[in-house]
Amino acid sequence: IRWYDFLDFILEGRASDFVRLYRVPGMPHGQGGPSADQFDMLQPLI
């Protein structure tokens, strides 16, 4: 988050033009935990 915040600050709020960050509640290091951990990030990137 700190990395993204700084990038967004340097780019005057335009970081989302080419970088998007998504947080997953409850998810640990990879799938698992009390989380919604099944999702497709690849197709939207394509």
ModelCIF file with pLDDT and N, C-alpha, C, O atoms, coordinates in Angstrom:
data_MODEL
#
_entry.id   MODEL 
#
_entity.id                         1 
_entity.type                       polymer 
_entity.pdbx_number_of_molecules   1 
#
_entity_poly.entity_id                      1 
_entity_poly.type                           'polypeptide(L)' 
_entity_poly.nstd_linkage                   no 
_entity_poly.nstd_monomer                   no 
_entity_poly.pdbx_seq_one_letter_code       IRWYDFLDFILEGRASDFVRLYRVPGMPHGQGGPSADQFDMLQPLI 
_entity_poly.pdbx_seq_one_letter_code_can   IRWYDFLDFILEGRASDFVRLYRVPGMPHGQGGPSADQFDMLQPLI 
_entity_poly.pdbx_strand_id                 A 
#
loop_
_entity_poly_seq.entity_id 
_entity_poly_seq.num 
_entity_poly_seq.mon_id 
_entity_poly_seq.hetero 
1 1  ILE n 
1 2  ARG n 
1 3  TRP n 
1 4  TYR n 
1 5  ASP n 
1 6  PHE n 
1 7  LEU n 
1 8  ASP n 
1 9  PHE n 
1 10 ILE n 
1 11 LEU n 
1 12 GLU n 
1 13 GLY n 
1 14 ARG n 
1 15 ALA n 
1 16 SER n 
1 17 ASP n 
1 18 PHE n 
1 19 VAL n 
1 20 ARG n 
1 21 LEU n 
1 22 TYR n 
1 23 ARG n 
1 24 VAL n 
1 25 PRO n 
1 26 GLY n 
1 27 MET n 
1 28 PRO n 
1 29 HIS n 
1 30 GLY n 
1 31 GLN n 
1 32 GLY n 
1 33 GLY n 
1 34 PRO n 
1 35 SER n 
1 36 ALA n 
1 37 ASP n 
1 38 GLN n 
1 39 PHE n 
1 40 ASP n 
1 41 MET n 
1 42 LEU n 
1 43 GLN n 
1 44 PRO n 
1 45 LEU n 
1 46 ILE n 
#
_struct_asym.id          A 
_struct_asym.entity_id   1 
#
loop_
_ma_qa_metric.id 
_ma_qa_metric.mode 
_ma_qa_metric.name 
_ma_qa_metric.software_group_id 
_ma_qa_metric.type 
1 global pLDDT . pLDDT 
2 local  pLDDT . pLDDT 
#
_ma_qa_metric_global.metric_id      1 
_ma_qa_metric_global.metric_value   97.78 
_ma_qa_metric_global.model_id       1 
_ma_qa_metric_global.ordinal_id     1 
#
loop_
_ma_qa_metric_local.label_asym_id 
_ma_qa_metric_local.label_comp_id 
_ma_qa_metric_local.label_seq_id 
_ma_qa_metric_local.metric_id 
_ma_qa_metric_local.metric_value 
_ma_qa_metric_local.model_id 
_ma_qa_metric_local.ordinal_id 
A ILE 1  2 98.00 1 1  
A ARG 2  2 98.00 1 2  
A TRP 3  2 98.00 1 3  
A TYR 4  2 98.00 1 4  
A ASP 5  2 98.00 1 5  
A PHE 6  2 98.00 1 6  
A LEU 7  2 98.00 1 7  
A ASP 8  2 98.00 1 8  
A PHE 9  2 97.00 1 9  
A ILE 10 2 97.00 1 10 
A LEU 11 2 97.00 1 11 
A GLU 12 2 97.00 1 12 
A GLY 13 2 97.00 1 13 
A ARG 14 2 97.00 1 14 
A ALA 15 2 98.00 1 15 
A SER 16 2 98.00 1 16 
A ASP 17 2 98.00 1 17 
A PHE 18 2 98.00 1 18 
A VAL 19 2 98.00 1 19 
A ARG 20 2 98.00 1 20 
A LEU 21 2 98.00 1 21 
A TYR 22 2 98.00 1 22 
A ARG 23 2 98.00 1 23 
A VAL 24 2 98.00 1 24 
A PRO 25 2 98.00 1 25 
A GLY 26 2 98.00 1 26 
A MET 27 2 98.00 1 27 
A PRO 28 2 98.00 1 28 
A HIS 29 2 98.00 1 29 
A GLY 30 2 96.00 1 30 
A GLN 31 2 97.00 1 31 
A GLY 32 2 97.00 1 32 
A GLY 33 2 98.00 1 33 
A PRO 34 2 98.00 1 34 
A SER 35 2 98.00 1 35 
A ALA 36 2 98.00 1 36 
A ASP 37 2 98.00 1 37 
A GLN 38 2 98.00 1 38 
A PHE 39 2 98.00 1 39 
A ASP 40 2 98.00 1 40 
A MET 41 2 98.00 1 41 
A LEU 42 2 98.00 1 42 
A GLN 43 2 98.00 1 43 
A PRO 44 2 98.00 1 44 
A LEU 45 2 98.00 1 45 
A ILE 46 2 98.00 1 46 
#
loop_
_atom_site.group_PDB 
_atom_site.id 
_atom_site.type_symbol 
_atom_site.label_atom_id 
_atom_site.label_alt_id 
_atom_site.label_comp_id 
_atom_site.label_asym_id 
_atom_site.label_entity_id 
_atom_site.label_seq_id 
_atom_site.pdbx_PDB_ins_code 
_atom_site.Cartn_x 
_atom_site.Cartn_y 
_atom_site.Cartn_z 
_atom_site.occupancy 
_atom_site.B_iso_or_equiv 
_atom_site.pdbx_formal_charge 
_atom_site.auth_seq_id 
_atom_site.auth_comp_id 
_atom_site.auth_asym_id 
_atom_site.auth_atom_id 
_atom_site.pdbx_PDB_model_num 
ATOM 1   N N  . ILE A 1 1  ? 0.837   -1.203  0.000   1.00 98.00 ? 1  ILE A N  1 
ATOM 2   C CA . ILE A 1 1  ? 0.000   0.000   0.000   1.00 98.00 ? 1  ILE A CA 1 
ATOM 3   C C  . ILE A 1 1  ? 0.876   1.258   0.000   1.00 98.00 ? 1  ILE A C  1 
ATOM 4   O O  . ILE A 1 1  ? 0.609   2.205   -0.740  1.00 98.00 ? 1  ILE A O  1 
ATOM 5   N N  . ARG A 1 2  ? 1.915   1.260   0.828   1.00 98.00 ? 2  ARG A N  1 
ATOM 6   C CA . ARG A 1 2  ? 2.815   2.421   0.882   1.00 98.00 ? 2  ARG A CA 1 
ATOM 7   C C  . ARG A 1 2  ? 3.456   2.651   -0.476  1.00 98.00 ? 2  ARG A C  1 
ATOM 8   O O  . ARG A 1 2  ? 3.570   3.790   -0.928  1.00 98.00 ? 2  ARG A O  1 
ATOM 9   N N  . TRP A 1 3  ? 3.876   1.568   -1.129  1.00 98.00 ? 3  TRP A N  1 
ATOM 10  C CA . TRP A 1 3  ? 4.476   1.663   -2.464  1.00 98.00 ? 3  TRP A CA 1 
ATOM 11  C C  . TRP A 1 3  ? 3.498   2.305   -3.448  1.00 98.00 ? 3  TRP A C  1 
ATOM 12  O O  . TRP A 1 3  ? 3.858   3.214   -4.195  1.00 98.00 ? 3  TRP A O  1 
ATOM 13  N N  . TYR A 1 4  ? 2.262   1.820   -3.435  1.00 98.00 ? 4  TYR A N  1 
ATOM 14  C CA . TYR A 1 4  ? 1.258   2.361   -4.358  1.00 98.00 ? 4  TYR A CA 1 
ATOM 15  C C  . TYR A 1 4  ? 0.943   3.817   -4.029  1.00 98.00 ? 4  TYR A C  1 
ATOM 16  O O  . TYR A 1 4  ? 0.830   4.645   -4.933  1.00 98.00 ? 4  TYR A O  1 
ATOM 17  N N  . ASP A 1 5  ? 0.799   4.136   -2.745  1.00 98.00 ? 5  ASP A N  1 
ATOM 18  C CA . ASP A 1 5  ? 0.494   5.511   -2.336  1.00 98.00 ? 5  ASP A CA 1 
ATOM 19  C C  . ASP A 1 5  ? 1.562   6.486   -2.828  1.00 98.00 ? 5  ASP A C  1 
ATOM 20  O O  . ASP A 1 5  ? 1.248   7.584   -3.286  1.00 98.00 ? 5  ASP A O  1 
ATOM 21  N N  . PHE A 1 6  ? 2.834   6.072   -2.728  1.00 98.00 ? 6  PHE A N  1 
ATOM 22  C CA . PHE A 1 6  ? 3.905   6.967   -3.172  1.00 98.00 ? 6  PHE A CA 1 
ATOM 23  C C  . PHE A 1 6  ? 3.856   7.137   -4.690  1.00 98.00 ? 6  PHE A C  1 
ATOM 24  O O  . PHE A 1 6  ? 4.011   8.245   -5.203  1.00 98.00 ? 6  PHE A O  1 
ATOM 25  N N  . LEU A 1 7  ? 3.639   6.029   -5.404  1.00 98.00 ? 7  LEU A N  1 
ATOM 26  C CA . LEU A 1 7  ? 3.538   6.113   -6.863  1.00 98.00 ? 7  LEU A CA 1 
ATOM 27  C C  . LEU A 1 7  ? 2.403   7.046   -7.265  1.00 98.00 ? 7  LEU A C  1 
ATOM 28  O O  . LEU A 1 7  ? 2.555   7.859   -8.177  1.00 98.00 ? 7  LEU A O  1 
ATOM 29  N N  . ASP A 1 8  ? 1.283   6.930   -6.593  1.00 98.00 ? 8  ASP A N  1 
ATOM 30  C CA . ASP A 1 8  ? 0.121   7.764   -6.896  1.00 98.00 ? 8  ASP A CA 1 
ATOM 31  C C  . ASP A 1 8  ? 0.408   9.236   -6.576  1.00 98.00 ? 8  ASP A C  1 
ATOM 32  O O  . ASP A 1 8  ? -0.040  10.133  -7.290  1.00 98.00 ? 8  ASP A O  1 
ATOM 33  N N  . PHE A 1 9  ? 1.156   9.469   -5.499  1.00 97.00 ? 9  PHE A N  1 
ATOM 34  C CA . PHE A 1 9  ? 1.524   10.833  -5.121  1.00 97.00 ? 9  PHE A CA 1 
ATOM 35  C C  . PHE A 1 9  ? 2.426   11.459  -6.185  1.00 97.00 ? 9  PHE A C  1 
ATOM 36  O O  . PHE A 1 9  ? 2.205   12.592  -6.612  1.00 97.00 ? 9  PHE A O  1 
ATOM 37  N N  . ILE A 1 10 ? 3.446   10.706  -6.607  1.00 97.00 ? 10 ILE A N  1 
ATOM 38  C CA . ILE A 1 10 ? 4.388   11.209  -7.619  1.00 97.00 ? 10 ILE A CA 1 
ATOM 39  C C  . ILE A 1 10 ? 3.668   11.500  -8.937  1.00 97.00 ? 10 ILE A C  1 
ATOM 40  O O  . ILE A 1 10 ? 3.991   12.458  -9.639  1.00 97.00 ? 10 ILE A O  1 
ATOM 41  N N  . LEU A 1 11 ? 2.688   10.653  -9.258  1.00 97.00 ? 11 LEU A N  1 
ATOM 42  C CA . LEU A 1 11 ? 1.964   10.807  -10.523 1.00 97.00 ? 11 LEU A CA 1 
ATOM 43  C C  . LEU A 1 11 ? 0.708   11.662  -10.381 1.00 97.00 ? 11 LEU A C  1 
ATOM 44  O O  . LEU A 1 11 ? -0.145  11.689  -11.267 1.00 97.00 ? 11 LEU A O  1 
ATOM 45  N N  . GLU A 1 12 ? 0.611   12.359  -9.252  1.00 97.00 ? 12 GLU A N  1 
ATOM 46  C CA . GLU A 1 12 ? -0.485  13.307  -9.013  1.00 97.00 ? 12 GLU A CA 1 
ATOM 47  C C  . GLU A 1 12 ? -1.857  12.664  -9.186  1.00 97.00 ? 12 GLU A C  1 
ATOM 48  O O  . GLU A 1 12 ? -2.751  13.209  -9.833  1.00 97.00 ? 12 GLU A O  1 
ATOM 49  N N  . GLY A 1 13 ? -1.989  11.468  -8.575  1.00 97.00 ? 13 GLY A N  1 
ATOM 50  C CA . GLY A 1 13 ? -3.276  10.789  -8.571  1.00 97.00 ? 13 GLY A CA 1 
ATOM 51  C C  . GLY A 1 13 ? -3.594  9.992   -9.820  1.00 97.00 ? 13 GLY A C  1 
ATOM 52  O O  . GLY A 1 13 ? -4.738  9.581   -10.017 1.00 97.00 ? 13 GLY A O  1 
ATOM 53  N N  . ARG A 1 14 ? -2.579  9.762   -10.685 1.00 97.00 ? 14 ARG A N  1 
ATOM 54  C CA . ARG A 1 14 ? -2.833  9.062   -11.939 1.00 97.00 ? 14 ARG A CA 1 
ATOM 55  C C  . ARG A 1 14 ? -2.230  7.654   -11.975 1.00 97.00 ? 14 ARG A C  1 
ATOM 56  O O  . ARG A 1 14 ? -2.135  7.061   -13.049 1.00 97.00 ? 14 ARG A O  1 
ATOM 57  N N  . ALA A 1 15 ? -1.822  7.112   -10.832 1.00 98.00 ? 15 ALA A N  1 
ATOM 58  C CA . ALA A 1 15 ? -1.217  5.771   -10.825 1.00 98.00 ? 15 ALA A CA 1 
ATOM 59  C C  . ALA A 1 15 ? -2.163  4.732   -11.402 1.00 98.00 ? 15 ALA A C  1 
ATOM 60  O O  . ALA A 1 15 ? -1.728  3.774   -12.039 1.00 98.00 ? 15 ALA A O  1 
ATOM 61  N N  . SER A 1 16 ? -3.467  4.922   -11.177 1.00 98.00 ? 16 SER A N  1 
ATOM 62  C CA . SER A 1 16 ? -4.438  3.921   -11.633 1.00 98.00 ? 16 SER A CA 1 
ATOM 63  C C  . SER A 1 16 ? -4.564  3.877   -13.153 1.00 98.00 ? 16 SER A C  1 
ATOM 64  O O  . SER A 1 16 ? -5.241  3.002   -13.693 1.00 98.00 ? 16 SER A O  1 
ATOM 65  N N  . ASP A 1 17 ? -3.917  4.815   -13.848 1.00 98.00 ? 17 ASP A N  1 
ATOM 66  C CA . ASP A 1 17 ? -3.917  4.771   -15.307 1.00 98.00 ? 17 ASP A CA 1 
ATOM 67  C C  . ASP A 1 17 ? -3.235  3.511   -15.828 1.00 98.00 ? 17 ASP A C  1 
ATOM 68  O O  . ASP A 1 17 ? -3.550  3.026   -16.914 1.00 98.00 ? 17 ASP A O  1 
ATOM 69  N N  . PHE A 1 18 ? -2.284  2.981   -15.031 1.00 98.00 ? 18 PHE A N  1 
ATOM 70  C CA . PHE A 1 18 ? -1.573  1.790   -15.506 1.00 98.00 ? 18 PHE A CA 1 
ATOM 71  C C  . PHE A 1 18 ? -1.245  0.788   -14.396 1.00 98.00 ? 18 PHE A C  1 
ATOM 72  O O  . PHE A 1 18 ? -0.667  -0.263  -14.677 1.00 98.00 ? 18 PHE A O  1 
ATOM 73  N N  . VAL A 1 19 ? -1.598  1.087   -13.149 1.00 98.00 ? 19 VAL A N  1 
ATOM 74  C CA . VAL A 1 19 ? -1.391  0.148   -12.043 1.00 98.00 ? 19 VAL A CA 1 
ATOM 75  C C  . VAL A 1 19 ? -2.664  0.087   -11.203 1.00 98.00 ? 19 VAL A C  1 
ATOM 76  O O  . VAL A 1 19 ? -3.223  1.123   -10.844 1.00 98.00 ? 19 VAL A O  1 
ATOM 77  N N  . ARG A 1 20 ? -3.123  -1.123  -10.892 1.00 98.00 ? 20 ARG A N  1 
ATOM 78  C CA . ARG A 1 20 ? -4.278  -1.298  -9.991  1.00 98.00 ? 20 ARG A CA 1 
ATOM 79  C C  . ARG A 1 20 ? -3.877  -2.265  -8.876  1.00 98.00 ? 20 ARG A C  1 
ATOM 80  O O  . ARG A 1 20 ? -3.247  -3.294  -9.120  1.00 98.00 ? 20 ARG A O  1 
ATOM 81  N N  . LEU A 1 21 ? -4.260  -1.908  -7.644  1.00 98.00 ? 21 LEU A N  1 
ATOM 82  C CA . LEU A 1 21 ? -3.980  -2.737  -6.469  1.00 98.00 ? 21 LEU A CA 1 
ATOM 83  C C  . LEU A 1 21 ? -5.284  -3.228  -5.867  1.00 98.00 ? 21 LEU A C  1 
ATOM 84  O O  . LEU A 1 21 ? -6.214  -2.450  -5.654  1.00 98.00 ? 21 LEU A O  1 
ATOM 85  N N  . TYR A 1 22 ? -5.347  -4.539  -5.590  1.00 98.00 ? 22 TYR A N  1 
ATOM 86  C CA . TYR A 1 22 ? -6.540  -5.148  -4.997  1.00 98.00 ? 22 TYR A CA 1 
ATOM 87  C C  . TYR A 1 22 ? -6.164  -5.851  -3.705  1.00 98.00 ? 22 TYR A C  1 
ATOM 88  O O  . TYR A 1 22 ? -5.223  -6.645  -3.671  1.00 98.00 ? 22 TYR A O  1 
ATOM 89  N N  . ARG A 1 23 ? -6.896  -5.560  -2.648  1.00 98.00 ? 23 ARG A N  1 
ATOM 90  C CA . ARG A 1 23 ? -6.659  -6.211  -1.355  1.00 98.00 ? 23 ARG A CA 1 
ATOM 91  C C  . ARG A 1 23 ? -7.691  -7.314  -1.136  1.00 98.00 ? 23 ARG A C  1 
ATOM 92  O O  . ARG A 1 23 ? -8.853  -7.173  -1.517  1.00 98.00 ? 23 ARG A O  1 
ATOM 93  N N  . VAL A 1 24 ? -7.257  -8.412  -0.519  1.00 98.00 ? 24 VAL A N  1 
ATOM 94  C CA . VAL A 1 24 ? -8.153  -9.552  -0.311  1.00 98.00 ? 24 VAL A CA 1 
ATOM 95  C C  . VAL A 1 24 ? -8.311  -9.800  1.188   1.00 98.00 ? 24 VAL A C  1 
ATOM 96  O O  . VAL A 1 24 ? -7.402  -10.347 1.813   1.00 98.00 ? 24 VAL A O  1 
ATOM 97  N N  . PRO A 1 25 ? -9.441  -9.412  1.778   1.00 98.00 ? 25 PRO A N  1 
ATOM 98  C CA . PRO A 1 25 ? -9.654  -9.599  3.218   1.00 98.00 ? 25 PRO A CA 1 
ATOM 99  C C  . PRO A 1 25 ? -9.587  -11.069 3.621   1.00 98.00 ? 25 PRO A C  1 
ATOM 100 O O  . PRO A 1 25 ? -10.127 -11.937 2.936   1.00 98.00 ? 25 PRO A O  1 
ATOM 101 N N  . GLY A 1 26 ? -8.924  -11.332 4.731   1.00 98.00 ? 26 GLY A N  1 
ATOM 102 C CA . GLY A 1 26 ? -8.871  -12.680 5.293   1.00 98.00 ? 26 GLY A CA 1 
ATOM 103 C C  . GLY A 1 26 ? -7.893  -13.613 4.633   1.00 98.00 ? 26 GLY A C  1 
ATOM 104 O O  . GLY A 1 26 ? -7.639  -14.696 5.161   1.00 98.00 ? 26 GLY A O  1 
ATOM 105 N N  . MET A 1 27 ? -7.321  -13.234 3.476   1.00 98.00 ? 27 MET A N  1 
ATOM 106 C CA . MET A 1 27 ? -6.434  -14.147 2.755   1.00 98.00 ? 27 MET A CA 1 
ATOM 107 C C  . MET A 1 27 ? -5.006  -14.014 3.272   1.00 98.00 ? 27 MET A C  1 
ATOM 108 O O  . MET A 1 27 ? -4.477  -12.905 3.358   1.00 98.00 ? 27 MET A O  1 
ATOM 109 N N  . PRO A 1 28 ? -4.371  -15.153 3.621   1.00 98.00 ? 28 PRO A N  1 
ATOM 110 C CA . PRO A 1 28 ? -2.979  -15.128 4.079   1.00 98.00 ? 28 PRO A CA 1 
ATOM 111 C C  . PRO A 1 28 ? -2.005  -15.126 2.897   1.00 98.00 ? 28 PRO A C  1 
ATOM 112 O O  . PRO A 1 28 ? -2.221  -14.403 1.925   1.00 98.00 ? 28 PRO A O  1 
ATOM 113 N N  . HIS A 1 29 ? -0.937  -15.928 2.969   1.00 98.00 ? 29 HIS A N  1 
ATOM 114 C CA . HIS A 1 29 ? 0.077   -15.959 1.913   1.00 98.00 ? 29 HIS A CA 1 
ATOM 115 C C  . HIS A 1 29 ? -0.346  -16.969 0.857   1.00 98.00 ? 29 HIS A C  1 
ATOM 116 O O  . HIS A 1 29 ? 0.082   -18.123 0.888   1.00 98.00 ? 29 HIS A O  1 
ATOM 117 N N  . GLY A 1 30 ? -1.186  -16.537 -0.077  1.00 96.00 ? 30 GLY A N  1 
ATOM 118 C CA . GLY A 1 30 ? -1.792  -17.440 -1.036  1.00 96.00 ? 30 GLY A CA 1 
ATOM 119 C C  . GLY A 1 30 ? -3.200  -17.802 -0.599  1.00 96.00 ? 30 GLY A C  1 
ATOM 120 O O  . GLY A 1 30 ? -3.733  -17.240 0.358   1.00 96.00 ? 30 GLY A O  1 
ATOM 121 N N  . GLN A 1 31 ? -3.802  -18.758 -1.319  1.00 97.00 ? 31 GLN A N  1 
ATOM 122 C CA . GLN A 1 31 ? -5.181  -19.129 -1.024  1.00 97.00 ? 31 GLN A CA 1 
ATOM 123 C C  . GLN A 1 31 ? -5.324  -19.704 0.375   1.00 97.00 ? 31 GLN A C  1 
ATOM 124 O O  . GLN A 1 31 ? -4.392  -20.301 0.914   1.00 97.00 ? 31 GLN A O  1 
ATOM 125 N N  . GLY A 1 32 ? -6.497  -19.516 0.952   1.00 97.00 ? 32 GLY A N  1 
ATOM 126 C CA . GLY A 1 32 ? -6.778  -20.037 2.286   1.00 97.00 ? 32 GLY A CA 1 
ATOM 127 C C  . GLY A 1 32 ? -7.334  -18.959 3.184   1.00 97.00 ? 32 GLY A C  1 
ATOM 128 O O  . GLY A 1 32 ? -7.602  -17.837 2.755   1.00 97.00 ? 32 GLY A O  1 
ATOM 129 N N  . GLY A 1 33 ? -7.503  -19.331 4.458   1.00 98.00 ? 33 GLY A N  1 
ATOM 130 C CA . GLY A 1 33 ? -8.046  -18.379 5.411   1.00 98.00 ? 33 GLY A CA 1 
ATOM 131 C C  . GLY A 1 33 ? -9.523  -18.132 5.173   1.00 98.00 ? 33 GLY A C  1 
ATOM 132 O O  . GLY A 1 33 ? -10.094 -18.645 4.211   1.00 98.00 ? 33 GLY A O  1 
ATOM 133 N N  . PRO A 1 34 ? -10.148 -17.345 6.047   1.00 98.00 ? 34 PRO A N  1 
ATOM 134 C CA . PRO A 1 34 ? -11.570 -17.012 5.886   1.00 98.00 ? 34 PRO A CA 1 
ATOM 135 C C  . PRO A 1 34 ? -11.729 -15.932 4.828   1.00 98.00 ? 34 PRO A C  1 
ATOM 136 O O  . PRO A 1 34 ? -11.989 -14.772 5.147   1.00 98.00 ? 34 PRO A O  1 
ATOM 137 N N  . SER A 1 35 ? -11.571 -16.323 3.562   1.00 98.00 ? 35 SER A N  1 
ATOM 138 C CA . SER A 1 35 ? -11.517 -15.329 2.491   1.00 98.00 ? 35 SER A CA 1 
ATOM 139 C C  . SER A 1 35 ? -12.250 -15.795 1.237   1.00 98.00 ? 35 SER A C  1 
ATOM 140 O O  . SER A 1 35 ? -12.507 -16.984 1.047   1.00 98.00 ? 35 SER A O  1 
ATOM 141 N N  . ALA A 1 36 ? -12.576 -14.825 0.390   1.00 98.00 ? 36 ALA A N  1 
ATOM 142 C CA . ALA A 1 36 ? -13.067 -15.114 -0.961  1.00 98.00 ? 36 ALA A CA 1 
ATOM 143 C C  . ALA A 1 36 ? -11.829 -15.139 -1.853  1.00 98.00 ? 36 ALA A C  1 
ATOM 144 O O  . ALA A 1 36 ? -11.402 -14.107 -2.370  1.00 98.00 ? 36 ALA A O  1 
ATOM 145 N N  . ASP A 1 37 ? -11.264 -16.323 -2.025  1.00 98.00 ? 37 ASP A N  1 
ATOM 146 C CA . ASP A 1 37 ? -9.928  -16.435 -2.615  1.00 98.00 ? 37 ASP A CA 1 
ATOM 147 C C  . ASP A 1 37 ? -9.915  -17.085 -3.996  1.00 98.00 ? 37 ASP A C  1 
ATOM 148 O O  . ASP A 1 37 ? -8.870  -17.527 -4.473  1.00 98.00 ? 37 ASP A O  1 
ATOM 149 N N  . GLN A 1 38 ? -11.081 -17.140 -4.631  1.00 98.00 ? 38 GLN A N  1 
ATOM 150 C CA . GLN A 1 38 ? -11.142 -17.649 -6.002  1.00 98.00 ? 38 GLN A CA 1 
ATOM 151 C C  . GLN A 1 38 ? -11.514 -16.492 -6.924  1.00 98.00 ? 38 GLN A C  1 
ATOM 152 O O  . GLN A 1 38 ? -12.630 -15.976 -6.858  1.00 98.00 ? 38 GLN A O  1 
ATOM 153 N N  . PHE A 1 39 ? -10.585 -16.087 -7.778  1.00 98.00 ? 39 PHE A N  1 
ATOM 154 C CA . PHE A 1 39 ? -10.811 -14.930 -8.635  1.00 98.00 ? 39 PHE A CA 1 
ATOM 155 C C  . PHE A 1 39 ? -9.864  -15.005 -9.829  1.00 98.00 ? 39 PHE A C  1 
ATOM 156 O O  . PHE A 1 39 ? -8.815  -15.646 -9.767  1.00 98.00 ? 39 PHE A O  1 
ATOM 157 N N  . ASP A 1 40 ? -10.248 -14.347 -10.902 1.00 98.00 ? 40 ASP A N  1 
ATOM 158 C CA . ASP A 1 40 ? -9.449  -14.339 -12.129 1.00 98.00 ? 40 ASP A CA 1 
ATOM 159 C C  . ASP A 1 40 ? -8.910  -12.926 -12.349 1.00 98.00 ? 40 ASP A C  1 
ATOM 160 O O  . ASP A 1 40 ? -9.649  -12.034 -12.767 1.00 98.00 ? 40 ASP A O  1 
ATOM 161 N N  . MET A 1 41 ? -7.637  -12.727 -12.069 1.00 98.00 ? 41 MET A N  1 
ATOM 162 C CA . MET A 1 41 ? -6.992  -11.436 -12.337 1.00 98.00 ? 41 MET A CA 1 
ATOM 163 C C  . MET A 1 41 ? -6.334  -11.415 -13.721 1.00 98.00 ? 41 MET A C  1 
ATOM 164 O O  . MET A 1 41 ? -6.014  -10.346 -14.240 1.00 98.00 ? 41 MET A O  1 
ATOM 165 N N  . LEU A 1 42 ? -6.134  -12.599 -14.319 1.00 98.00 ? 42 LEU A N  1 
ATOM 166 C CA . LEU A 1 42 ? -5.401  -12.652 -15.580 1.00 98.00 ? 42 LEU A CA 1 
ATOM 167 C C  . LEU A 1 42 ? -6.221  -12.125 -16.755 1.00 98.00 ? 42 LEU A C  1 
ATOM 168 O O  . LEU A 1 42 ? -5.720  -11.338 -17.558 1.00 98.00 ? 42 LEU A O  1 
ATOM 169 N N  . GLN A 1 43 ? -7.480  -12.557 -16.859 1.00 98.00 ? 43 GLN A N  1 
ATOM 170 C CA . GLN A 1 43 ? -8.301  -12.118 -17.986 1.00 98.00 ? 43 GLN A CA 1 
ATOM 171 C C  . GLN A 1 43 ? -8.488  -10.599 -18.014 1.00 98.00 ? 43 GLN A C  1 
ATOM 172 O O  . GLN A 1 43 ? -8.387  -9.999  -19.084 1.00 98.00 ? 43 GLN A O  1 
ATOM 173 N N  . PRO A 1 44 ? -8.755  -9.960  -16.876 1.00 98.00 ? 44 PRO A N  1 
ATOM 174 C CA . PRO A 1 44 ? -8.842  -8.489  -16.897 1.00 98.00 ? 44 PRO A CA 1 
ATOM 175 C C  . PRO A 1 44 ? -7.530  -7.824  -17.317 1.00 98.00 ? 44 PRO A C  1 
ATOM 176 O O  . PRO A 1 44 ? -7.546  -6.782  -17.971 1.00 98.00 ? 44 PRO A O  1 
ATOM 177 N N  . LEU A 1 45 ? -6.391  -8.424  -16.943 1.00 98.00 ? 45 LEU A N  1 
ATOM 178 C CA . LEU A 1 45 ? -5.105  -7.863  -17.361 1.00 98.00 ? 45 LEU A CA 1 
ATOM 179 C C  . LEU A 1 45 ? -4.948  -7.977  -18.882 1.00 98.00 ? 45 LEU A C  1 
ATOM 180 O O  . LEU A 1 45 ? -4.473  -7.049  -19.536 1.00 98.00 ? 45 LEU A O  1 
ATOM 181 N N  . ILE A 1 46 ? -5.352  -9.123  -19.435 1.00 98.00 ? 46 ILE A N  1 
ATOM 182 C CA . ILE A 1 46 ? -5.295  -9.310  -20.889 1.00 98.00 ? 46 ILE A CA 1 
ATOM 183 C C  . ILE A 1 46 ? -6.148  -8.248  -21.587 1.00 98.00 ? 46 ILE A C  1 
ATOM 184 O O  . ILE A 1 46 ? -6.232  -8.233  -22.815 1.00 98.00 ? 46 ILE A O  1 
#
